[in-house]
Amino acid sequence: MTSSYQTRDGAGNIVNGIQDAINEDNAVTSLMSRGLMVLALQHKAAATRTRIARSALFFLEWLLMVVRDCRAGAQASCLWGLRASRL
């Protein structure tokens, strides 16, 4: 699990960063062992998976459109010189 964090160090300075840990408790313990007081901890993995899933879906939709156009004989939309007979 990847989390972004905001902490305060021993001198009172705000420290921001990213922490990889098994779970939230492990992340907090790791930060505290470095002498940091945790102010905020936000999980990042869900947002990354969503962004990747949307990108993959967009690519697949685009690819299906290209294949459909190639099968229909629209050579202007058909990339890589594919012919309908090969699809």
PDB file of N, CA and C in Angstrom:
ATOM      1  N   MET A   1       0.839  -1.162   0.000  1.00  0.00           N
ATOM      2  CA  MET A   1       0.000   0.000   0.000  1.00  0.00           C
ATOM      3  C   MET A   1       0.895   1.240   0.000  1.00  0.00           C
ATOM      4  N   THR A   2       0.602   2.155  -0.893  1.00  0.00           N
ATOM      5  CA  THR A   2       1.357   3.398  -0.981  1.00  0.00           C
ATOM      6  C   THR A   2       0.499   4.530  -0.438  1.00  0.00           C
ATOM      7  N   SER A   3       1.094   5.335   0.412  1.00  0.00           N
ATOM      8  CA  SER A   3       0.371   6.450   1.022  1.00  0.00           C
ATOM      9  C   SER A   3       1.213   7.708   0.951  1.00  0.00           C
ATOM     10  N   SER A   4       0.546   8.834   0.767  1.00  0.00           N
ATOM     11  CA  SER A   4       1.251  10.111   0.909  1.00  0.00           C
ATOM     12  C   SER A   4       1.030  10.560   2.351  1.00  0.00           C
ATOM     13  N   TYR A   5       2.021  11.246   2.884  1.00  0.00           N
ATOM     14  CA  TYR A   5       1.909  11.657   4.282  1.00  0.00           C
ATOM     15  C   TYR A   5       2.353  13.090   4.474  1.00  0.00           C
ATOM     16  N   GLN A   6       1.861  13.663   5.558  1.00  0.00           N
ATOM     17  CA  GLN A   6       2.333  14.952   6.036  1.00  0.00           C
ATOM     18  C   GLN A   6       2.678  14.741   7.501  1.00  0.00           C
ATOM     19  N   THR A   7       3.895  15.094   7.863  1.00  0.00           N
ATOM     20  CA  THR A   7       4.366  14.898   9.234  1.00  0.00           C
ATOM     21  C   THR A   7       5.063  16.168   9.718  1.00  0.00           C
ATOM     22  N   ARG A   8       5.385  16.140  10.994  1.00  0.00           N
ATOM     23  CA  ARG A   8       6.173  17.222  11.593  1.00  0.00           C
ATOM     24  C   ARG A   8       7.400  16.579  12.231  1.00  0.00           C
ATOM     25  N   ASP A   9       8.577  17.141  11.919  1.00  0.00           N
ATOM     26  CA  ASP A   9       9.802  16.582  12.494  1.00  0.00           C
ATOM     27  C   ASP A   9      10.067  17.188  13.870  1.00  0.00           C
ATOM     28  N   GLY A  10      11.163  16.775  14.506  1.00  0.00           N
ATOM     29  CA  GLY A  10      11.498  17.220  15.860  1.00  0.00           C
ATOM     30  C   GLY A  10      11.710  18.717  15.975  1.00  0.00           C
ATOM     31  N   ALA A  11      12.099  19.356  14.876  1.00  0.00           N
ATOM     32  CA  ALA A  11      12.333  20.802  14.881  1.00  0.00           C
ATOM     33  C   ALA A  11      11.059  21.587  14.594  1.00  0.00           C
ATOM     34  N   GLY A  12       9.953  20.871  14.330  1.00  0.00           N
ATOM     35  CA  GLY A  12       8.687  21.540  14.065  1.00  0.00           C
ATOM     36  C   GLY A  12       8.415  21.804  12.598  1.00  0.00           C
ATOM     37  N   ASN A  13       9.311  21.348  11.725  1.00  0.00           N
ATOM     38  CA  ASN A  13       9.123  21.550  10.283  1.00  0.00           C
ATOM     39  C   ASN A  13       8.139  20.535   9.710  1.00  0.00           C
ATOM     40  N   ILE A  14       7.344  20.967   8.728  1.00  0.00           N
ATOM     41  CA  ILE A  14       6.420  20.072   8.032  1.00  0.00           C
ATOM     42  C   ILE A  14       7.216  19.262   7.004  1.00  0.00           C
ATOM     43  N   VAL A  15       6.996  17.958   7.014  1.00  0.00           N
ATOM     44  CA  VAL A  15       7.672  17.053   6.079  1.00  0.00           C
ATOM     45  C   VAL A  15       6.593  16.279   5.326  1.00  0.00           C
ATOM     46  N   ASN A  16       6.618  16.363   3.978  1.00  0.00           N
ATOM     47  CA  ASN A  16       5.690  15.625   3.129  1.00  0.00           C
ATOM     48  C   ASN A  16       6.452  14.538   2.387  1.00  0.00           C
ATOM     49  N   GLY A  17       5.772  13.436   2.079  1.00  0.00           N
ATOM     50  CA  GLY A  17       6.432  12.371   1.337  1.00  0.00           C
ATOM     51  C   GLY A  17       5.488  11.235   1.016  1.00  0.00           C
ATOM     52  N   ILE A  18       6.078  10.150   0.535  1.00  0.00           N
ATOM     53  CA  ILE A  18       5.328   8.943   0.184  1.00  0.00           C
ATOM     54  C   ILE A  18       5.918   7.773   0.955  1.00  0.00           C
ATOM     55  N   GLN A  19       5.049   6.938   1.510  1.00  0.00           N
ATOM     56  CA  GLN A  19       5.468   5.793   2.330  1.00  0.00           C
ATOM     57  C   GLN A  19       4.834   4.520   1.788  1.00  0.00           C
ATOM     58  N   ASP A  20       5.636   3.496   1.544  1.00  0.00           N
ATOM     59  CA  ASP A  20       5.126   2.169   1.197  1.00  0.00           C
ATOM     60  C   ASP A  20       5.080   1.331   2.462  1.00  0.00           C
ATOM     61  N   ALA A  21       3.959   0.670   2.703  1.00  0.00           N
ATOM     62  CA  ALA A  21       3.810  -0.160   3.894  1.00  0.00           C
ATOM     63  C   ALA A  21       2.742  -1.214   3.650  1.00  0.00           C
ATOM     64  N   ILE A  22       2.728  -2.224   4.497  1.00  0.00           N
ATOM     65  CA  ILE A  22       1.745  -3.302   4.393  1.00  0.00           C
ATOM     66  C   ILE A  22       0.342  -2.787   4.699  1.00  0.00           C
ATOM     67  N   ASN A  23       0.231  -1.928   5.705  1.00  0.00           N
ATOM     68  CA  ASN A  23      -1.069  -1.364   6.092  1.00  0.00           C
ATOM     69  C   ASN A  23      -0.835   0.000   6.745  1.00  0.00           C
ATOM     70  N   GLU A  24      -1.917   0.643   7.151  1.00  0.00           N
ATOM     71  CA  GLU A  24      -1.824   1.980   7.730  1.00  0.00           C
ATOM     72  C   GLU A  24      -1.038   1.989   9.033  1.00  0.00           C
ATOM     73  N   ASP A  25      -1.262   1.010   9.896  1.00  0.00           N
ATOM     74  CA  ASP A  25      -0.531   0.938  11.168  1.00  0.00           C
ATOM     75  C   ASP A  25       0.964   0.826  10.945  1.00  0.00           C
ATOM     76  N   ASN A  26       1.349   0.016   9.966  1.00  0.00           N
ATOM     77  CA  ASN A  26       2.761  -0.167   9.646  1.00  0.00           C
ATOM     78  C   ASN A  26       3.368   1.141   9.137  1.00  0.00           C
ATOM     79  N   ALA A  27       2.609   1.883   8.317  1.00  0.00           N
ATOM     80  CA  ALA A  27       3.096   3.159   7.791  1.00  0.00           C
ATOM     81  C   ALA A  27       3.317   4.161   8.913  1.00  0.00           C
ATOM     82  N   VAL A  28       2.349   4.267   9.827  1.00  0.00           N
ATOM     83  CA  VAL A  28       2.457   5.205  10.949  1.00  0.00           C
ATOM     84  C   VAL A  28       3.629   4.824  11.845  1.00  0.00           C
ATOM     85  N   THR A  29       3.768   3.535  12.145  1.00  0.00           N
ATOM     86  CA  THR A  29       4.871   3.067  12.994  1.00  0.00           C
ATOM     87  C   THR A  29       6.214   3.388  12.363  1.00  0.00           C
ATOM     88  N   SER A  30       6.323   3.171  11.049  1.00  0.00           N
ATOM     89  CA  SER A  30       7.569   3.451  10.340  1.00  0.00           C
ATOM     90  C   SER A  30       7.917   4.939  10.398  1.00  0.00           C
ATOM     91  N   LEU A  31       6.935   5.791  10.182  1.00  0.00           N
ATOM     92  CA  LEU A  31       7.177   7.236  10.229  1.00  0.00           C
ATOM     93  C   LEU A  31       7.540   7.687  11.637  1.00  0.00           C
ATOM     94  N   MET A  32       6.847   7.155  12.642  1.00  0.00           N
ATOM     95  CA  MET A  32       7.137   7.524  14.024  1.00  0.00           C
ATOM     96  C   MET A  32       8.527   7.058  14.439  1.00  0.00           C
ATOM     97  N   SER A  33       8.966   5.907  13.926  1.00  0.00           N
ATOM     98  CA  SER A  33      10.304   5.405  14.277  1.00  0.00           C
ATOM     99  C   SER A  33      11.406   6.302  13.718  1.00  0.00           C
ATOM    100  N   ARG A  34      11.055   7.125  12.734  1.00  0.00           N
ATOM    101  CA  ARG A  34      12.010   8.089  12.171  1.00  0.00           C
ATOM    102  C   ARG A  34      11.917   9.442  12.869  1.00  0.00           C
ATOM    103  N   GLY A  35      11.153   9.495  13.969  1.00  0.00           N
ATOM    104  CA  GLY A  35      11.042  10.727  14.747  1.00  0.00           C
ATOM    105  C   GLY A  35      10.054  11.722  14.168  1.00  0.00           C
ATOM    106  N   LEU A  36       9.126  11.248  13.358  1.00  0.00           N
ATOM    107  CA  LEU A  36       8.140  12.129  12.738  1.00  0.00           C
ATOM    108  C   LEU A  36       6.780  11.954  13.396  1.00  0.00           C
ATOM    109  N   MET A  37       6.068  13.069  13.607  1.00  0.00           N
ATOM    110  CA  MET A  37       4.720  13.014  14.145  1.00  0.00           C
ATOM    111  C   MET A  37       3.758  13.085  12.951  1.00  0.00           C
ATOM    112  N   VAL A  38       2.934  12.078  12.778  1.00  0.00           N
ATOM    113  CA  VAL A  38       2.046  11.987  11.620  1.00  0.00           C
ATOM    114  C   VAL A  38       0.869  12.952  11.781  1.00  0.00           C
ATOM    115  N   LEU A  39       0.698  13.826  10.793  1.00  0.00           N
ATOM    116  CA  LEU A  39      -0.423  14.765  10.766  1.00  0.00           C
ATOM    117  C   LEU A  39      -1.521  14.268   9.825  1.00  0.00           C
ATOM    118  N   ALA A  40      -1.113  13.669   8.692  1.00  0.00           N
ATOM    119  CA  ALA A  40      -2.084  13.172   7.705  1.00  0.00           C
ATOM    120  C   ALA A  40      -1.471  12.013   6.931  1.00  0.00           C
ATOM    121  N   LEU A  41      -2.326  11.061   6.585  1.00  0.00           N
ATOM    122  CA  LEU A  41      -1.902   9.889   5.817  1.00  0.00           C
ATOM    123  C   LEU A  41      -3.023   9.573   4.835  1.00  0.00           C
ATOM    124  N   GLN A  42      -2.694   9.555   3.539  1.00  0.00           N
ATOM    125  CA  GLN A  42      -3.715   9.321   2.514  1.00  0.00           C
ATOM    126  C   GLN A  42      -3.249   8.214   1.582  1.00  0.00           C
ATOM    127  N   HIS A  43      -4.121   7.219   1.383  1.00  0.00           N
ATOM    128  CA  HIS A  43      -3.790   6.090   0.520  1.00  0.00           C
ATOM    129  C   HIS A  43      -3.779   6.533  -0.937  1.00  0.00           C
ATOM    130  N   LYS A  44      -2.811   6.034  -1.714  1.00  0.00           N
ATOM    131  CA  LYS A  44      -2.668   6.431  -3.110  1.00  0.00           C
ATOM    132  C   LYS A  44      -3.011   5.314  -4.089  1.00  0.00           C
ATOM    133  N   ALA A  45      -3.016   4.063  -3.682  1.00  0.00           N
ATOM    134  CA  ALA A  45      -3.145   2.935  -4.607  1.00  0.00           C
ATOM    135  C   ALA A  45      -4.451   2.956  -5.381  1.00  0.00           C
ATOM    136  N   ALA A  46      -5.557   3.273  -4.762  1.00  0.00           N
ATOM    137  CA  ALA A  46      -6.853   3.230  -5.445  1.00  0.00           C
ATOM    138  C   ALA A  46      -6.897   4.219  -6.598  1.00  0.00           C
ATOM    139  N   ALA A  47      -6.389   5.418  -6.396  1.00  0.00           N
ATOM    140  CA  ALA A  47      -6.397   6.420  -7.458  1.00  0.00           C
ATOM    141  C   ALA A  47      -5.530   5.976  -8.624  1.00  0.00           C
ATOM    142  N   THR A  48      -4.376   5.385  -8.346  1.00  0.00           N
ATOM    143  CA  THR A  48      -3.485   4.913  -9.400  1.00  0.00           C
ATOM    144  C   THR A  48      -4.144   3.811 -10.202  1.00  0.00           C
ATOM    145  N   ARG A  49      -4.781   2.836  -9.529  1.00  0.00           N
ATOM    146  CA  ARG A  49      -5.456   1.751 -10.248  1.00  0.00           C
ATOM    147  C   ARG A  49      -6.566   2.298 -11.120  1.00  0.00           C
ATOM    148  N   THR A  50      -7.309   3.271 -10.640  1.00  0.00           N
ATOM    149  CA  THR A  50      -8.397   3.853 -11.419  1.00  0.00           C
ATOM    150  C   THR A  50      -7.862   4.539 -12.660  1.00  0.00           C
ATOM    151  N   ARG A  51      -6.776   5.288 -12.513  1.00  0.00           N
ATOM    152  CA  ARG A  51      -6.183   5.986 -13.648  1.00  0.00           C
ATOM    153  C   ARG A  51      -5.682   4.996 -14.688  1.00  0.00           C
ATOM    154  N   ILE A  52      -5.050   3.924 -14.252  1.00  0.00           N
ATOM    155  CA  ILE A  52      -4.556   2.900 -15.174  1.00  0.00           C
ATOM    156  C   ILE A  52      -5.721   2.210 -15.871  1.00  0.00           C
ATOM    157  N   ALA A  53      -6.770   1.894 -15.124  1.00  0.00           N
ATOM    158  CA  ALA A  53      -7.935   1.233 -15.712  1.00  0.00           C
ATOM    159  C   ALA A  53      -8.588   2.119 -16.763  1.00  0.00           C
ATOM    160  N   ARG A  54      -8.709   3.401 -16.503  1.00  0.00           N
ATOM    161  CA  ARG A  54      -9.299   4.322 -17.481  1.00  0.00           C
ATOM    162  C   ARG A  54      -8.433   4.411 -18.726  1.00  0.00           C
ATOM    163  N   SER A  55      -7.121   4.465 -18.573  1.00  0.00           N
ATOM    164  CA  SER A  55      -6.222   4.521 -19.725  1.00  0.00           C
ATOM    165  C   SER A  55      -6.334   3.254 -20.560  1.00  0.00           C
ATOM    166  N   ALA A  56      -6.385   2.109 -19.906  1.00  0.00           N
ATOM    167  CA  ALA A  56      -6.510   0.837 -20.626  1.00  0.00           C
ATOM    168  C   ALA A  56      -7.847   0.766 -21.349  1.00  0.00           C
ATOM    169  N   LEU A  57      -8.911   1.213 -20.719  1.00  0.00           N
ATOM    170  CA  LEU A  57     -10.226   1.197 -21.346  1.00  0.00           C
ATOM    171  C   LEU A  57     -10.251   2.113 -22.559  1.00  0.00           C
ATOM    172  N   PHE A  58      -9.665   3.294 -22.450  1.00  0.00           N
ATOM    173  CA  PHE A  58      -9.605   4.220 -23.582  1.00  0.00           C
ATOM    174  C   PHE A  58      -8.853   3.579 -24.742  1.00  0.00           C
ATOM    175  N   PHE A  59      -7.713   2.946 -24.462  1.00  0.00           N
ATOM    176  CA  PHE A  59      -6.922   2.305 -25.513  1.00  0.00           C
ATOM    177  C   PHE A  59      -7.709   1.186 -26.181  1.00  0.00           C
ATOM    178  N   LEU A  60      -8.386   0.349 -25.392  1.00  0.00           N
ATOM    179  CA  LEU A  60      -9.161  -0.749 -25.970  1.00  0.00           C
ATOM    180  C   LEU A  60     -10.302  -0.236 -26.835  1.00  0.00           C
ATOM    181  N   GLU A  61     -10.979   0.824 -26.398  1.00  0.00           N
ATOM    182  CA  GLU A  61     -12.045   1.412 -27.205  1.00  0.00           C
ATOM    183  C   GLU A  61     -11.488   1.943 -28.522  1.00  0.00           C
ATOM    184  N   TRP A  62     -10.350   2.597 -28.472  1.00  0.00           N
ATOM    185  CA  TRP A  62      -9.713   3.115 -29.675  1.00  0.00           C
ATOM    186  C   TRP A  62      -9.327   1.966 -30.614  1.00  0.00           C
ATOM    187  N   LEU A  63      -8.741   0.918 -30.068  1.00  0.00           N
ATOM    188  CA  LEU A  63      -8.327  -0.221 -30.873  1.00  0.00           C
ATOM    189  C   LEU A  63      -9.528  -0.901 -31.538  1.00  0.00           C
ATOM    190  N   LEU A  64     -10.618  -1.057 -30.808  1.00  0.00           N
ATOM    191  CA  LEU A  64     -11.829  -1.642 -31.391  1.00  0.00           C
ATOM    192  C   LEU A  64     -12.381  -0.770 -32.521  1.00  0.00           C
ATOM    193  N   MET A  65     -12.284   0.539 -32.366  1.00  0.00           N
ATOM    194  CA  MET A  65     -12.740   1.443 -33.416  1.00  0.00           C
ATOM    195  C   MET A  65     -11.895   1.269 -34.676  1.00  0.00           C
ATOM    196  N   VAL A  66     -10.582   1.137 -34.512  1.00  0.00           N
ATOM    197  CA  VAL A  66      -9.687   0.953 -35.652  1.00  0.00           C
ATOM    198  C   VAL A  66     -10.001  -0.360 -36.362  1.00  0.00           C
ATOM    199  N   VAL A  67     -10.180  -1.434 -35.609  1.00  0.00           N
ATOM    200  CA  VAL A  67     -10.483  -2.735 -36.206  1.00  0.00           C
ATOM    201  C   VAL A  67     -11.818  -2.672 -36.944  1.00  0.00           C
ATOM    202  N   ARG A  68     -12.811  -2.039 -36.325  1.00  0.00           N
ATOM    203  CA  ARG A  68     -14.118  -1.908 -36.971  1.00  0.00           C
ATOM    204  C   ARG A  68     -13.999  -1.154 -38.293  1.00  0.00           C
ATOM    205  N   ASP A  69     -13.253  -0.052 -38.286  1.00  0.00           N
ATOM    206  CA  ASP A  69     -13.076   0.732 -39.507  1.00  0.00           C
ATOM    207  C   ASP A  69     -12.324  -0.054 -40.575  1.00  0.00           C
ATOM    208  N   CYS A  70     -11.345  -0.835 -40.158  1.00  0.00           N
ATOM    209  CA  CYS A  70     -10.591  -1.643 -41.120  1.00  0.00           C
ATOM    210  C   CYS A  70     -11.498  -2.696 -41.767  1.00  0.00           C
ATOM    211  N   ARG A  71     -12.336  -3.314 -40.952  1.00  0.00           N
ATOM    212  CA  ARG A  71     -13.256  -4.327 -41.488  1.00  0.00           C
ATOM    213  C   ARG A  71     -14.272  -3.701 -42.428  1.00  0.00           C
ATOM    214  N   ALA A  72     -14.635  -2.445 -42.162  1.00  0.00           N
ATOM    215  CA  ALA A  72     -15.606  -1.753 -43.003  1.00  0.00           C
ATOM    216  C   ALA A  72     -14.959  -1.209 -44.278  1.00  0.00           C
ATOM    217  N   GLY A  73     -13.647  -1.301 -44.372  1.00  0.00           N
ATOM    218  CA  GLY A  73     -12.948  -0.848 -45.563  1.00  0.00           C
ATOM    219  C   GLY A  73     -12.580   0.618 -45.560  1.00  0.00           C
ATOM    220  N   ALA A  74     -12.652   1.277 -44.438  1.00  0.00           N
ATOM    221  CA  ALA A  74     -12.286   2.691 -44.348  1.00  0.00           C
ATOM    222  C   ALA A  74     -10.776   2.793 -44.242  1.00  0.00           C
ATOM    223  N   GLN A  75     -10.109   2.839 -45.379  1.00  0.00           N
ATOM    224  CA  GLN A  75      -8.643   2.805 -45.393  1.00  0.00           C
ATOM    225  C   GLN A  75      -8.003   4.009 -44.710  1.00  0.00           C
ATOM    226  N   ALA A  76      -8.685   5.153 -44.700  1.00  0.00           N
ATOM    227  CA  ALA A  76      -8.121   6.333 -44.042  1.00  0.00           C
ATOM    228  C   ALA A  76      -7.993   6.115 -42.536  1.00  0.00           C
ATOM    229  N   SER A  77      -8.901   5.338 -41.948  1.00  0.00           N
ATOM    230  CA  SER A  77      -8.865   5.073 -40.513  1.00  0.00           C
ATOM    231  C   SER A  77      -8.102   3.806 -40.182  1.00  0.00           C
ATOM    232  N   CYS A  78      -7.783   3.040 -41.178  1.00  0.00           N
ATOM    233  CA  CYS A  78      -7.145   1.744 -40.955  1.00  0.00           C
ATOM    234  C   CYS A  78      -5.633   1.926 -40.803  1.00  0.00           C
ATOM    235  N   LEU A  79      -5.133   1.692 -39.632  1.00  0.00           N
ATOM    236  CA  LEU A  79      -3.712   1.865 -39.356  1.00  0.00           C
ATOM    237  C   LEU A  79      -2.912   0.635 -39.750  1.00  0.00           C
ATOM    238  N   TRP A  80      -1.644   0.809 -39.925  1.00  0.00           N
ATOM    239  CA  TRP A  80      -0.677  -0.258 -40.189  1.00  0.00           C
ATOM    240  C   TRP A  80      -0.938  -1.007 -41.500  1.00  0.00           C
ATOM    241  N   GLY A  81      -1.779  -0.437 -42.374  1.00  0.00           N
ATOM    242  CA  GLY A  81      -2.028  -1.069 -43.663  1.00  0.00           C
ATOM    243  C   GLY A  81      -2.770  -2.380 -43.584  1.00  0.00           C
ATOM    244  N   LEU A  82      -3.530  -2.615 -42.510  1.00  0.00           N
ATOM    245  CA  LEU A  82      -4.285  -3.857 -42.396  1.00  0.00           C
ATOM    246  C   LEU A  82      -5.410  -3.870 -43.414  1.00  0.00           C
ATOM    247  N   ARG A  83      -5.693  -5.021 -43.959  1.00  0.00           N
ATOM    248  CA  ARG A  83      -6.791  -5.174 -44.897  1.00  0.00           C
ATOM    249  C   ARG A  83      -7.914  -5.959 -44.221  1.00  0.00           C
ATOM    250  N   ALA A  84      -9.131  -5.718 -44.636  1.00  0.00           N
ATOM    251  CA  ALA A  84     -10.278  -6.395 -44.055  1.00  0.00           C
ATOM    252  C   ALA A  84     -10.156  -7.907 -44.173  1.00  0.00           C
ATOM    253  N   SER A  85      -9.496  -8.373 -45.201  1.00  0.00           N
ATOM    254  CA  SER A  85      -9.370  -9.819 -45.388  1.00  0.00           C
ATOM    255  C   SER A  85      -8.469 -10.471 -44.336  1.00  0.00           C
ATOM    256  N   ARG A  86      -7.607  -9.685 -43.730  1.00  0.00           N
ATOM    257  CA  ARG A  86      -6.708 -10.239 -42.702  1.00  0.00           C
ATOM    258  C   ARG A  86      -7.321 -10.193 -41.315  1.00  0.00           C
ATOM    259  N   LEU A  87      -8.411  -9.482 -41.115  1.00  0.00           N
ATOM    260  CA  LEU A  87      -8.999  -9.336 -39.779  1.00  0.00           C
ATOM    261  C   LEU A  87     -10.067 -10.369 -39.528  1.00  0.00           C
TER     262      LEU A  87
END
